[in-house]
Amino acid sequence: MGIMTPMRTQHSLAGQTYTVPLIQPDLRREEAILQVADALQYLQKISGDIFSRWVLPPIPT
């Protein structure tokens, strides 16, 4: 796995803060691909967490 850059941006949803890794622009192609893959995997984890907290109201019958 690649090492993520220390630059990060934080977003807050309903009291939960998520730290999203950013990709450095001056990396070798191989390292950039690894960091993109790591970032996408982490974003998938965050989106799973967000949607697991989202409760839909019951559908009227």
PDB file of N, CA and C in Angstrom:
ATOM      1  N   MET A   1       0.836  -1.178   0.000  1.00  0.00           N
ATOM      2  CA  MET A   1       0.000   0.000   0.000  1.00  0.00           C
ATOM      3  C   MET A   1       0.884   1.246   0.000  1.00  0.00           C
ATOM      4  N   GLY A   2       0.438   2.257  -0.688  1.00  0.00           N
ATOM      5  CA  GLY A   2       1.180   3.499  -0.736  1.00  0.00           C
ATOM      6  C   GLY A   2       0.975   4.317   0.517  1.00  0.00           C
ATOM      7  N   ILE A   3       1.856   5.266   0.731  1.00  0.00           N
ATOM      8  CA  ILE A   3       1.736   6.151   1.882  1.00  0.00           C
ATOM      9  C   ILE A   3       1.023   7.401   1.421  1.00  0.00           C
ATOM     10  N   MET A   4      -0.031   7.753   2.133  1.00  0.00           N
ATOM     11  CA  MET A   4      -0.817   8.929   1.761  1.00  0.00           C
ATOM     12  C   MET A   4      -0.069  10.202   2.140  1.00  0.00           C
ATOM     13  N   THR A   5      -0.334  11.251   1.419  1.00  0.00           N
ATOM     14  CA  THR A   5       0.239  12.544   1.717  1.00  0.00           C
ATOM     15  C   THR A   5      -0.338  13.089   3.021  1.00  0.00           C
ATOM     16  N   PRO A   6       0.415  13.863   3.779  1.00  0.00           N
ATOM     17  CA  PRO A   6      -0.123  14.400   5.023  1.00  0.00           C
ATOM     18  C   PRO A   6      -1.179  15.479   4.799  1.00  0.00           C
ATOM     19  N   MET A   7      -1.282  16.018   3.572  1.00  0.00           N
ATOM     20  CA  MET A   7      -2.316  17.014   3.299  1.00  0.00           C
ATOM     21  C   MET A   7      -3.674  16.339   3.356  1.00  0.00           C
ATOM     22  N   ARG A   8      -4.596  16.929   4.092  1.00  0.00           N
ATOM     23  CA  ARG A   8      -5.912  16.327   4.232  1.00  0.00           C
ATOM     24  C   ARG A   8      -6.962  17.430   4.275  1.00  0.00           C
ATOM     25  N   THR A   9      -8.153  17.063   3.923  1.00  0.00           N
ATOM     26  CA  THR A   9      -9.271  17.976   4.043  1.00  0.00           C
ATOM     27  C   THR A   9     -10.321  17.289   4.902  1.00  0.00           C
ATOM     28  N   GLN A  10     -10.975  18.033   5.775  1.00  0.00           N
ATOM     29  CA  GLN A  10     -11.945  17.422   6.666  1.00  0.00           C
ATOM     30  C   GLN A  10     -13.349  17.896   6.313  1.00  0.00           C
ATOM     31  N   HIS A  11     -14.274  16.961   6.351  1.00  0.00           N
ATOM     32  CA  HIS A  11     -15.685  17.245   6.120  1.00  0.00           C
ATOM     33  C   HIS A  11     -16.460  16.708   7.304  1.00  0.00           C
ATOM     34  N   SER A  12     -17.507  17.414   7.684  1.00  0.00           N
ATOM     35  CA  SER A  12     -18.285  16.974   8.837  1.00  0.00           C
ATOM     36  C   SER A  12     -19.712  16.696   8.411  1.00  0.00           C
ATOM     37  N   LEU A  13     -20.220  15.539   8.815  1.00  0.00           N
ATOM     38  CA  LEU A  13     -21.599  15.158   8.552  1.00  0.00           C
ATOM     39  C   LEU A  13     -22.237  14.730   9.859  1.00  0.00           C
ATOM     40  N   ALA A  14     -23.262  15.423  10.286  1.00  0.00           N
ATOM     41  CA  ALA A  14     -24.026  15.075  11.481  1.00  0.00           C
ATOM     42  C   ALA A  14     -23.121  14.795  12.679  1.00  0.00           C
ATOM     43  N   GLY A  15     -22.160  15.663  12.903  1.00  0.00           N
ATOM     44  CA  GLY A  15     -21.296  15.521  14.060  1.00  0.00           C
ATOM     45  C   GLY A  15     -20.108  14.600  13.853  1.00  0.00           C
ATOM     46  N   GLN A  16     -20.066  13.850  12.768  1.00  0.00           N
ATOM     47  CA  GLN A  16     -18.950  12.946  12.486  1.00  0.00           C
ATOM     48  C   GLN A  16     -17.984  13.643  11.532  1.00  0.00           C
ATOM     49  N   THR A  17     -16.706  13.669  11.883  1.00  0.00           N
ATOM     50  CA  THR A  17     -15.697  14.281  11.019  1.00  0.00           C
ATOM     51  C   THR A  17     -14.939  13.192  10.285  1.00  0.00           C
ATOM     52  N   TYR A  18     -14.809  13.335   8.979  1.00  0.00           N
ATOM     53  CA  TYR A  18     -14.069  12.396   8.149  1.00  0.00           C
ATOM     54  C   TYR A  18     -12.855  13.114   7.583  1.00  0.00           C
ATOM     55  N   THR A  19     -11.727  12.450   7.577  1.00  0.00           N
ATOM     56  CA  THR A  19     -10.512  12.991   6.997  1.00  0.00           C
ATOM     57  C   THR A  19     -10.282  12.294   5.665  1.00  0.00           C
ATOM     58  N   VAL A  20     -10.244  13.088   4.599  1.00  0.00           N
ATOM     59  CA  VAL A  20     -10.118  12.532   3.252  1.00  0.00           C
ATOM     60  C   VAL A  20      -8.695  12.779   2.755  1.00  0.00           C
ATOM     61  N   PRO A  21      -7.969  11.712   2.388  1.00  0.00           N
ATOM     62  CA  PRO A  21      -6.590  11.891   1.916  1.00  0.00           C
ATOM     63  C   PRO A  21      -6.546  12.534   0.531  1.00  0.00           C
ATOM     64  N   LEU A  22      -5.558  13.365   0.313  1.00  0.00           N
ATOM     65  CA  LEU A  22      -5.332  13.977  -0.995  1.00  0.00           C
ATOM     66  C   LEU A  22      -4.097  13.349  -1.626  1.00  0.00           C
ATOM     67  N   ILE A  23      -4.037  13.356  -2.929  1.00  0.00           N
ATOM     68  CA  ILE A  23      -2.921  12.750  -3.658  1.00  0.00           C
ATOM     69  C   ILE A  23      -1.941  13.840  -4.076  1.00  0.00           C
ATOM     70  N   GLN A  24      -0.666  13.628  -3.787  1.00  0.00           N
ATOM     71  CA  GLN A  24       0.357  14.597  -4.188  1.00  0.00           C
ATOM     72  C   GLN A  24       0.513  14.589  -5.704  1.00  0.00           C
ATOM     73  N   PRO A  25       0.691  15.755  -6.314  1.00  0.00           N
ATOM     74  CA  PRO A  25       0.788  15.816  -7.775  1.00  0.00           C
ATOM     75  C   PRO A  25       2.150  15.402  -8.345  1.00  0.00           C
ATOM     76  N   ASP A  26       3.206  15.342  -7.534  1.00  0.00           N
ATOM     77  CA  ASP A  26       4.554  15.121  -8.053  1.00  0.00           C
ATOM     78  C   ASP A  26       5.072  13.695  -7.822  1.00  0.00           C
ATOM     79  N   LEU A  27       4.186  12.717  -7.823  1.00  0.00           N
ATOM     80  CA  LEU A  27       4.580  11.330  -7.565  1.00  0.00           C
ATOM     81  C   LEU A  27       4.915  10.592  -8.860  1.00  0.00           C
ATOM     82  N   ARG A  28       5.702   9.520  -8.715  1.00  0.00           N
ATOM     83  CA  ARG A  28       5.907   8.618  -9.849  1.00  0.00           C
ATOM     84  C   ARG A  28       4.570   7.962 -10.156  1.00  0.00           C
ATOM     85  N   ARG A  29       4.374   7.539 -11.380  1.00  0.00           N
ATOM     86  CA  ARG A  29       3.106   6.958 -11.822  1.00  0.00           C
ATOM     87  C   ARG A  29       2.661   5.798 -10.930  1.00  0.00           C
ATOM     88  N   GLU A  30       3.596   4.903 -10.599  1.00  0.00           N
ATOM     89  CA  GLU A  30       3.257   3.735  -9.792  1.00  0.00           C
ATOM     90  C   GLU A  30       2.771   4.137  -8.402  1.00  0.00           C
ATOM     91  N   GLU A  31       3.468   5.083  -7.786  1.00  0.00           N
ATOM     92  CA  GLU A  31       3.078   5.540  -6.443  1.00  0.00           C
ATOM     93  C   GLU A  31       1.748   6.283  -6.494  1.00  0.00           C
ATOM     94  N   ALA A  32       1.522   7.067  -7.543  1.00  0.00           N
ATOM     95  CA  ALA A  32       0.248   7.774  -7.691  1.00  0.00           C
ATOM     96  C   ALA A  32      -0.906   6.779  -7.806  1.00  0.00           C
ATOM     97  N   ILE A  33      -0.710   5.709  -8.572  1.00  0.00           N
ATOM     98  CA  ILE A  33      -1.756   4.692  -8.724  1.00  0.00           C
ATOM     99  C   ILE A  33      -2.058   4.034  -7.384  1.00  0.00           C
ATOM    100  N   LEU A  34      -1.008   3.719  -6.614  1.00  0.00           N
ATOM    101  CA  LEU A  34      -1.215   3.125  -5.289  1.00  0.00           C
ATOM    102  C   LEU A  34      -1.979   4.069  -4.361  1.00  0.00           C
ATOM    103  N   GLN A  35      -1.615   5.347  -4.385  1.00  0.00           N
ATOM    104  CA  GLN A  35      -2.297   6.302  -3.516  1.00  0.00           C
ATOM    105  C   GLN A  35      -3.748   6.520  -3.945  1.00  0.00           C
ATOM    106  N   VAL A  36      -4.005   6.538  -5.240  1.00  0.00           N
ATOM    107  CA  VAL A  36      -5.385   6.662  -5.725  1.00  0.00           C
ATOM    108  C   VAL A  36      -6.199   5.449  -5.271  1.00  0.00           C
ATOM    109  N   ALA A  37      -5.627   4.261  -5.401  1.00  0.00           N
ATOM    110  CA  ALA A  37      -6.331   3.048  -4.965  1.00  0.00           C
ATOM    111  C   ALA A  37      -6.614   3.090  -3.461  1.00  0.00           C
ATOM    112  N   ASP A  38      -5.637   3.514  -2.669  1.00  0.00           N
ATOM    113  CA  ASP A  38      -5.831   3.630  -1.223  1.00  0.00           C
ATOM    114  C   ASP A  38      -6.917   4.650  -0.895  1.00  0.00           C
ATOM    115  N   ALA A  39      -6.877   5.796  -1.578  1.00  0.00           N
ATOM    116  CA  ALA A  39      -7.867   6.848  -1.324  1.00  0.00           C
ATOM    117  C   ALA A  39      -9.272   6.380  -1.695  1.00  0.00           C
ATOM    118  N   LEU A  40      -9.412   5.685  -2.823  1.00  0.00           N
ATOM    119  CA  LEU A  40     -10.727   5.181  -3.230  1.00  0.00           C
ATOM    120  C   LEU A  40     -11.251   4.134  -2.254  1.00  0.00           C
ATOM    121  N   GLN A  41     -10.360   3.288  -1.763  1.00  0.00           N
ATOM    122  CA  GLN A  41     -10.766   2.285  -0.775  1.00  0.00           C
ATOM    123  C   GLN A  41     -11.241   2.962   0.505  1.00  0.00           C
ATOM    124  N   TYR A  42     -10.536   3.993   0.927  1.00  0.00           N
ATOM    125  CA  TYR A  42     -10.923   4.718   2.126  1.00  0.00           C
ATOM    126  C   TYR A  42     -12.253   5.451   1.916  1.00  0.00           C
ATOM    127  N   LEU A  43     -12.440   6.068   0.754  1.00  0.00           N
ATOM    128  CA  LEU A  43     -13.699   6.755   0.456  1.00  0.00           C
ATOM    129  C   LEU A  43     -14.868   5.774   0.410  1.00  0.00           C
ATOM    130  N   GLN A  44     -14.615   4.554  -0.057  1.00  0.00           N
ATOM    131  CA  GLN A  44     -15.657   3.526  -0.040  1.00  0.00           C
ATOM    132  C   GLN A  44     -16.050   3.204   1.398  1.00  0.00           C
ATOM    133  N   LYS A  45     -15.072   3.128   2.274  1.00  0.00           N
ATOM    134  CA  LYS A  45     -15.333   2.866   3.696  1.00  0.00           C
ATOM    135  C   LYS A  45     -16.150   4.004   4.313  1.00  0.00           C
ATOM    136  N   ILE A  46     -15.780   5.238   3.996  1.00  0.00           N
ATOM    137  CA  ILE A  46     -16.507   6.397   4.518  1.00  0.00           C
ATOM    138  C   ILE A  46     -17.944   6.394   4.007  1.00  0.00           C
ATOM    139  N   SER A  47     -18.143   6.158   2.703  1.00  0.00           N
ATOM    140  CA  SER A  47     -19.500   6.172   2.159  1.00  0.00           C
ATOM    141  C   SER A  47     -20.333   5.042   2.765  1.00  0.00           C
ATOM    142  N   GLY A  48     -19.726   3.895   3.001  1.00  0.00           N
ATOM    143  CA  GLY A  48     -20.437   2.809   3.671  1.00  0.00           C
ATOM    144  C   GLY A  48     -20.875   3.205   5.065  1.00  0.00           C
ATOM    145  N   ASP A  49     -20.003   3.901   5.787  1.00  0.00           N
ATOM    146  CA  ASP A  49     -20.338   4.378   7.129  1.00  0.00           C
ATOM    147  C   ASP A  49     -21.485   5.383   7.075  1.00  0.00           C
ATOM    148  N   ILE A  50     -21.420   6.307   6.138  1.00  0.00           N
ATOM    149  CA  ILE A  50     -22.466   7.331   6.017  1.00  0.00           C
ATOM    150  C   ILE A  50     -23.816   6.677   5.716  1.00  0.00           C
ATOM    151  N   PHE A  51     -23.840   5.774   4.733  1.00  0.00           N
ATOM    152  CA  PHE A  51     -25.110   5.159   4.349  1.00  0.00           C
ATOM    153  C   PHE A  51     -25.622   4.178   5.393  1.00  0.00           C
ATOM    154  N   SER A  52     -24.737   3.616   6.203  1.00  0.00           N
ATOM    155  CA  SER A  52     -25.201   2.719   7.268  1.00  0.00           C
ATOM    156  C   SER A  52     -25.906   3.499   8.377  1.00  0.00           C
ATOM    157  N   ARG A  53     -25.618   4.785   8.481  1.00  0.00           N
ATOM    158  CA  ARG A  53     -26.261   5.640   9.493  1.00  0.00           C
ATOM    159  C   ARG A  53     -27.569   6.243   8.985  1.00  0.00           C
ATOM    160  N   TRP A  54     -27.782   6.201   7.687  1.00  0.00           N
ATOM    161  CA  TRP A  54     -28.929   6.829   7.068  1.00  0.00           C
ATOM    162  C   TRP A  54     -30.140   5.895   7.192  1.00  0.00           C
ATOM    163  N   VAL A  55     -31.135   6.346   7.908  1.00  0.00           N
ATOM    164  CA  VAL A  55     -32.343   5.548   8.136  1.00  0.00           C
ATOM    165  C   VAL A  55     -33.468   6.171   7.329  1.00  0.00           C
ATOM    166  N   LEU A  56     -34.078   5.376   6.467  1.00  0.00           N
ATOM    167  CA  LEU A  56     -35.195   5.859   5.656  1.00  0.00           C
ATOM    168  C   LEU A  56     -36.489   5.727   6.447  1.00  0.00           C
ATOM    169  N   PRO A  57     -37.413   6.665   6.270  1.00  0.00           N
ATOM    170  CA  PRO A  57     -38.709   6.538   6.926  1.00  0.00           C
ATOM    171  C   PRO A  57     -39.484   5.372   6.317  1.00  0.00           C
ATOM    172  N   PRO A  58     -40.380   4.782   7.084  1.00  0.00           N
ATOM    173  CA  PRO A  58     -41.168   3.659   6.545  1.00  0.00           C
ATOM    174  C   PRO A  58     -42.011   4.109   5.356  1.00  0.00           C
ATOM    175  N   ILE A  59     -42.193   3.213   4.408  1.00  0.00           N
ATOM    176  CA  ILE A  59     -43.004   3.492   3.216  1.00  0.00           C
ATOM    177  C   ILE A  59     -44.473   3.328   3.595  1.00  0.00           C
ATOM    178  N   PRO A  60     -45.285   4.385   3.364  1.00  0.00           N
ATOM    179  CA  PRO A  60     -46.725   4.263   3.693  1.00  0.00           C
ATOM    180  C   PRO A  60     -47.391   3.198   2.831  1.00  0.00           C
ATOM    181  N   THR A  61     -48.291   2.461   3.435  1.00  0.00           N
ATOM    182  CA  THR A  61     -49.015   1.424   2.683  1.00  0.00           C
ATOM    183  C   THR A  61     -50.466   1.766   2.530  1.00  0.00           C
TER     184      THR A  61
END
